[in-house]
C-alpha atoms as a PDB file:
ATOM      1  CA  MET A   1     143.256  42.693  22.943  1.00  0.00           C
ATOM      2  CA  LYS A   2     145.799  42.377  20.399  1.00  0.00           C
ATOM      3  CA  ASN A   3     144.772  45.158  18.380  1.00  0.00           C
ATOM      4  CA  ILE A   4     143.160  48.195  20.553  1.00  0.00           C
ATOM      5  CA  ASP A   5     141.800  50.690  19.340  1.00  0.00           C
ATOM      6  CA  PRO A   6     144.002  53.492  18.488  1.00  0.00           C
ATOM      7  CA  ILE A   7     142.539  56.074  19.715  1.00  0.00           C
ATOM      8  CA  LEU A   8     141.696  54.295  22.681  1.00  0.00           C
ATOM      9  CA  GLN A   9     145.669  53.506  22.552  1.00  0.00           C
ATOM     10  CA  SER A  10     146.509  57.414  22.114  1.00  0.00           C
ATOM     11  CA  ILE A  11     143.914  57.709  25.020  1.00  0.00           C
ATOM     12  CA  MET A  12     145.842  55.657  27.063  1.00  0.00           C
ATOM     13  CA  ASP A  13     149.357  56.883  26.242  1.00  0.00           C
ATOM     14  CA  LYS A  14     148.468  60.304  26.947  1.00  0.00           C
ATOM     15  CA  PHE A  15     146.750  59.831  30.366  1.00  0.00           C
ATOM     16  CA  ASN A  16     149.813  57.395  31.194  1.00  0.00           C
ATOM     17  CA  ASN A  17     152.085  60.472  30.345  1.00  0.00           C
ATOM     18  CA  GLU A  18     150.154  63.196  32.149  1.00  0.00           C
ATOM     19  CA  ILE A  19     149.907  60.523  35.531  1.00  0.00           C
ATOM     20  CA  TYR A  20     153.711  59.414  35.273  1.00  0.00           C
ATOM     21  CA  ASN A  21     154.338  63.171  35.675  1.00  0.00           C
ATOM     22  CA  LEU A  22     152.559  64.420  38.577  1.00  0.00           C
ATOM     23  CA  THR A  23     154.443  65.516  42.062  1.00  0.00           C
ATOM     24  CA  ILE A  24     152.520  64.583  44.937  1.00  0.00           C
ATOM     25  CA  SER A  25     154.378  66.910  47.708  1.00  0.00           C
ATOM     26  CA  ASP A  26     154.032  67.113  51.705  1.00  0.00           C
ATOM     27  CA  GLU A  27     153.503  71.050  51.285  1.00  0.00           C
ATOM     28  CA  ALA A  28     150.734  70.831  48.504  1.00  0.00           C
ATOM     29  CA  PRO A  29     149.156  67.630  47.781  1.00  0.00           C
ATOM     30  CA  LEU A  30     145.615  68.523  47.437  1.00  0.00           C
ATOM     31  CA  ILE A  31     146.542  70.425  44.508  1.00  0.00           C
ATOM     32  CA  GLU A  32     148.051  67.912  42.702  1.00  0.00           C
ATOM     33  CA  ILE A  33     145.456  64.998  44.211  1.00  0.00           C
ATOM     34  CA  GLU A  34     142.994  67.175  42.468  1.00  0.00           C
ATOM     35  CA  ARG A  35     144.914  67.406  38.979  1.00  0.00           C
ATOM     36  CA  GLY A  36     145.598  63.796  39.017  1.00  0.00           C
ATOM     37  CA  MET A  37     141.558  63.547  39.380  1.00  0.00           C
ATOM     38  CA  ARG A  38     140.870  65.854  36.599  1.00  0.00           C
ATOM     39  CA  ILE A  39     143.303  64.139  34.214  1.00  0.00           C
ATOM     40  CA  SER A  40     141.339  60.420  35.562  1.00  0.00           C
ATOM     41  CA  ILE A  41     138.164  61.873  34.806  1.00  0.00           C
ATOM     42  CA  SER A  42     139.052  63.400  31.403  1.00  0.00           C
ATOM     43  CA  SER A  43     140.406  60.457  30.291  1.00  0.00           C
ATOM     44  CA  PHE A  44     137.633  58.445  31.748  1.00  0.00           C
ATOM     45  CA  GLN A  45     134.927  60.453  29.920  1.00  0.00           C
ATOM     46  CA  GLU A  46     137.054  60.233  27.082  1.00  0.00           C
ATOM     47  CA  LEU A  47     137.454  56.424  27.051  1.00  0.00           C
ATOM     48  CA  ARG A  48     133.552  56.217  27.670  1.00  0.00           C
ATOM     49  CA  ASP A  49     132.991  58.562  24.542  1.00  0.00           C
ATOM     50  CA  ILE A  50     134.638  56.821  21.977  1.00  0.00           C
ATOM     51  CA  PHE A  51     133.620  53.290  23.409  1.00  0.00           C
ATOM     52  CA  GLU A  52     130.293  54.428  23.094  1.00  0.00           C
ATOM     53  CA  SER A  53     130.856  55.793  19.365  1.00  0.00           C
ATOM     54  CA  ARG A  54     132.394  52.313  18.379  1.00  0.00           C
ATOM     55  CA  GLU A  55     131.288  48.774  18.233  1.00  0.00           C
ATOM     56  CA  ILE A  56     132.778  46.650  20.112  1.00  0.00           C
ATOM     57  CA  LYS A  57     133.788  43.552  17.690  1.00  0.00           C
ATOM     58  CA  ASN A  58     134.535  41.071  19.779  1.00  0.00           C
ATOM     59  CA  ASN A  59     134.399  39.159  22.810  1.00  0.00           C
ATOM     60  CA  GLU A  60     138.410  39.416  23.287  1.00  0.00           C
ATOM     61  CA  ASN A  61     137.936  43.222  22.844  1.00  0.00           C
ATOM     62  CA  GLU A  62     135.598  43.899  25.167  1.00  0.00           C
ATOM     63  CA  ILE A  63     136.690  41.566  28.046  1.00  0.00           C
ATOM     64  CA  HIS A  64     140.226  43.571  27.149  1.00  0.00           C
ATOM     65  CA  PHE A  65     138.397  46.566  28.341  1.00  0.00           C
ATOM     66  CA  PHE A  66     136.191  46.070  30.734  1.00  0.00           C
ATOM     67  CA  LYS A  67     139.331  43.852  32.517  1.00  0.00           C
ATOM     68  CA  HIS A  68     141.888  45.986  31.649  1.00  0.00           C
ATOM     69  CA  VAL A  69     141.321  49.784  30.238  1.00  0.00           C
ATOM     70  CA  LYS A  70     138.307  50.682  32.259  1.00  0.00           C
ATOM     71  CA  PRO A  71     139.500  49.828  35.752  1.00  0.00           C
ATOM     72  CA  PHE A  72     142.749  50.721  34.929  1.00  0.00           C
ATOM     73  CA  VAL A  73     141.878  55.159  34.756  1.00  0.00           C
ATOM     74  CA  LEU A  74     138.580  54.285  37.384  1.00  0.00           C
ATOM     75  CA  GLY A  75     141.161  52.831  39.384  1.00  0.00           C
ATOM     76  CA  HIS A  76     143.781  55.972  39.291  1.00  0.00           C
ATOM     77  CA  LEU A  77     140.446  58.044  39.721  1.00  0.00           C
ATOM     78  CA  LEU A  78     139.096  56.297  42.933  1.00  0.00           C
ATOM     79  CA  TYR A  79     143.290  56.527  44.125  1.00  0.00           C
ATOM     80  CA  PHE A  80     142.528  60.144  43.572  1.00  0.00           C
ATOM     81  CA  TYR A  81     139.447  60.383  45.481  1.00  0.00           C
ATOM     82  CA  TYR A  82     140.302  58.233  48.845  1.00  0.00           C
ATOM     83  CA  LEU A  83     143.756  60.096  48.762  1.00  0.00           C
ATOM     84  CA  ARG A  84     141.650  63.379  48.827  1.00  0.00           C
ATOM     85  CA  GLN A  85     139.166  62.030  51.501  1.00  0.00           C
ATOM     86  CA  ILE A  86     142.458  60.954  53.574  1.00  0.00           C
ATOM     87  CA  GLU A  87     144.291  64.125  53.222  1.00  0.00           C
ATOM     88  CA  ASN A  88     141.288  66.476  53.492  1.00  0.00           C
ATOM     89  CA  ASN A  89     140.388  63.969  56.738  1.00  0.00           C
ATOM     90  CA  MET A  90     143.870  63.877  58.318  1.00  0.00           C
ATOM     91  CA  PRO A  91     143.857  64.662  62.012  1.00  0.00           C
ATOM     92  CA  ILE A  92     146.282  68.174  62.523  1.00  0.00           C
ATOM     93  CA  GLY A  93     148.691  68.331  65.269  1.00  0.00           C
ATOM     94  CA  ILE A  94     150.297  64.678  66.981  1.00  0.00           C
ATOM     95  CA  PRO A  95     152.188  62.296  64.676  1.00  0.00           C
ATOM     96  CA  GLU A  96     149.996  59.268  66.474  1.00  0.00           C
ATOM     97  CA  ASN A  97     146.584  60.951  65.839  1.00  0.00           C
ATOM     98  CA  LYS A  98     147.852  60.969  61.976  1.00  0.00           C
ATOM     99  CA  ILE A  99     149.001  57.314  62.209  1.00  0.00           C
ATOM    100  CA  LYS A 100     146.174  55.871  64.300  1.00  0.00           C
ATOM    101  CA  TYR A 101     143.585  57.766  61.589  1.00  0.00           C
ATOM    102  CA  LEU A 102     145.991  55.857  58.354  1.00  0.00           C
ATOM    103  CA  CYS A 103     145.862  52.643  60.202  1.00  0.00           C
ATOM    104  CA  LYS A 104     141.894  52.769  60.507  1.00  0.00           C
ATOM    105  CA  LYS A 105     141.597  53.066  56.953  1.00  0.00           C
ATOM    106  CA  ALA A 106     144.749  50.521  56.521  1.00  0.00           C
ATOM    107  CA  LYS A 107     142.201  48.195  57.944  1.00  0.00           C
ATOM    108  CA  CYS A 108     139.028  49.409  55.879  1.00  0.00           C
ATOM    109  CA  PHE A 109     140.736  49.098  52.762  1.00  0.00           C
ATOM    110  CA  SER A 110     141.932  45.459  54.240  1.00  0.00           C
ATOM    111  CA  ARG A 111     137.581  44.917  54.823  1.00  0.00           C
ATOM    112  CA  TYR A 112     137.350  45.466  51.670  1.00  0.00           C
ATOM    113  CA  LEU A 113     139.802  43.304  50.391  1.00  0.00           C
ATOM    114  CA  HIS A 114     138.143  40.330  52.711  1.00  0.00           C
ATOM    115  CA  GLN A 115     135.344  41.163  51.528  1.00  0.00           C
ATOM    116  CA  HIS A 116     135.755  40.653  47.742  1.00  0.00           C
ATOM    117  CA  ARG A 117     138.526  37.969  48.392  1.00  0.00           C
ATOM    118  CA  GLU A 118     137.265  35.560  45.619  1.00  0.00           C
ATOM    119  CA  ILE A 119     136.878  38.156  43.182  1.00  0.00           C
ATOM    120  CA  TYR A 120     140.776  40.171  44.217  1.00  0.00           C
ATOM    121  CA  TYR A 121     142.180  36.597  44.223  1.00  0.00           C
ATOM    122  CA  TYR A 122     140.964  36.429  40.445  1.00  0.00           C
ATOM    123  CA  TYR A 123     142.149  39.637  40.206  1.00  0.00           C
ATOM    124  CA  LYS A 124     145.829  38.866  41.479  1.00  0.00           C
ATOM    125  CA  SER A 125     145.841  35.573  39.717  1.00  0.00           C
ATOM    126  CA  GLY A 126     145.476  37.082  36.093  1.00  0.00           C
ATOM    127  CA  ASP A 127     143.384  34.234  35.859  1.00  0.00           C
ATOM    128  CA  ASP A 128     140.757  34.233  32.241  1.00  0.00           C
ATOM    129  CA  HIS A 129     138.494  30.780  32.587  1.00  0.00           C
ATOM    130  CA  HIS A 130     135.001  33.286  33.657  1.00  0.00           C
ATOM    131  CA  ASP A 131     136.447  36.220  31.673  1.00  0.00           C
ATOM    132  CA  MET A 132     133.281  36.179  29.487  1.00  0.00           C
ATOM    133  CA  GLN A 133     130.963  35.649  32.651  1.00  0.00           C
ATOM    134  CA  TYR A 134     132.343  38.914  34.363  1.00  0.00           C
ATOM    135  CA  PHE A 135     133.784  41.406  31.567  1.00  0.00           C
ATOM    136  CA  VAL A 136     131.656  40.695  28.624  1.00  0.00           C
ATOM    137  CA  ARG A 137     127.817  42.993  28.778  1.00  0.00           C
ATOM    138  CA  SER A 138     125.948  40.720  27.640  1.00  0.00           C
ATOM    139  CA  ASN A 139     126.519  37.759  30.242  1.00  0.00           C
ATOM    140  CA  LEU A 140     124.885  40.100  32.806  1.00  0.00           C
ATOM    141  CA  SER A 141     122.911  38.279  35.136  1.00  0.00           C
ATOM    142  CA  ILE A 142     120.672  40.116  37.764  1.00  0.00           C
ATOM    143  CA  ARG A 143     122.113  37.141  40.648  1.00  0.00           C
ATOM    144  CA  ASN A 144     125.582  39.283  40.083  1.00  0.00           C
ATOM    145  CA  TYR A 145     124.478  42.525  40.675  1.00  0.00           C
ATOM    146  CA  TYR A 146     125.377  41.729  44.022  1.00  0.00           C
ATOM    147  CA  TYR A 147     128.942  42.291  43.502  1.00  0.00           C
ATOM    148  CA  HIS A 148     128.715  45.967  42.396  1.00  0.00           C
ATOM    149  CA  GLN A 149     125.189  47.605  41.738  1.00  0.00           C
ATOM    150  CA  PHE A 150     126.943  50.418  38.775  1.00  0.00           C
ATOM    151  CA  SER A 151     126.974  47.104  36.479  1.00  0.00           C
ATOM    152  CA  MET A 152     122.992  47.270  37.020  1.00  0.00           C
ATOM    153  CA  LEU A 153     122.499  51.406  36.753  1.00  0.00           C
ATOM    154  CA  ASP A 154     124.955  51.378  33.787  1.00  0.00           C
ATOM    155  CA  SER A 155     125.111  47.924  31.788  1.00  0.00           C
ATOM    156  CA  ASN A 156     126.287  50.041  28.962  1.00  0.00           C
ATOM    157  CA  PHE A 157     128.913  50.319  30.344  1.00  0.00           C
ATOM    158  CA  SER A 158     130.038  48.343  33.164  1.00  0.00           C
ATOM    159  CA  THR A 159     130.442  44.458  33.820  1.00  0.00           C
ATOM    160  CA  THR A 160     130.043  42.984  36.756  1.00  0.00           C
ATOM    161  CA  TRP A 161     133.226  43.058  37.627  1.00  0.00           C
ATOM    162  CA  ASP A 162     135.214  45.735  36.234  1.00  0.00           C
ATOM    163  CA  ASN A 163     134.075  48.693  39.062  1.00  0.00           C
ATOM    164  CA  ILE A 164     135.307  45.703  41.358  1.00  0.00           C
ATOM    165  CA  PHE A 165     139.007  45.535  39.975  1.00  0.00           C
ATOM    166  CA  ALA A 166     138.945  49.234  39.437  1.00  0.00           C
ATOM    167  CA  GLU A 167     138.849  49.627  43.327  1.00  0.00           C
ATOM    168  CA  PHE A 168     141.199  47.249  43.714  1.00  0.00           C
ATOM    169  CA  LYS A 169     143.630  49.445  42.146  1.00  0.00           C
ATOM    170  CA  PRO A 170     144.130  52.343  44.941  1.00  0.00           C
ATOM    171  CA  MET A 171     144.237  49.579  47.844  1.00  0.00           C
ATOM    172  CA  ILE A 172     146.996  47.444  46.476  1.00  0.00           C
END
């Protein structure tokens, strides 16, 4: 989206600045993780409010929003959410147990990437030949809900793959 809405750009700039300035320490990681979640939730809601109050001018802008903007912020929220889950459930004590736990979590993420390998390849390759199908809301199809159910629940603010692209961000 070459001409990104200045208000959306302002939200993204503020979000990037706030996230960049987070420092997650070993002593009290949950405080900063939860701060990252609050920043992400606030920015996500701001994006949603602005998005819903404005009309998308063309497919290029809609594709950019759902392929890049929304997954970027939602991906950070998911990152902090998963990090919080991992931190809260980390075994106490022996370092070997912590390593086993982290390896198990890494396998879960790897399994998700494997299950969505075609979409992940599309994500990593930077392809755009299916963008109209995957990132324009008017092209949602019942058969594509298989990939992510949120697109069915909130078709005004979701496309077939935007939530999956967001899921990839914390895993890579």
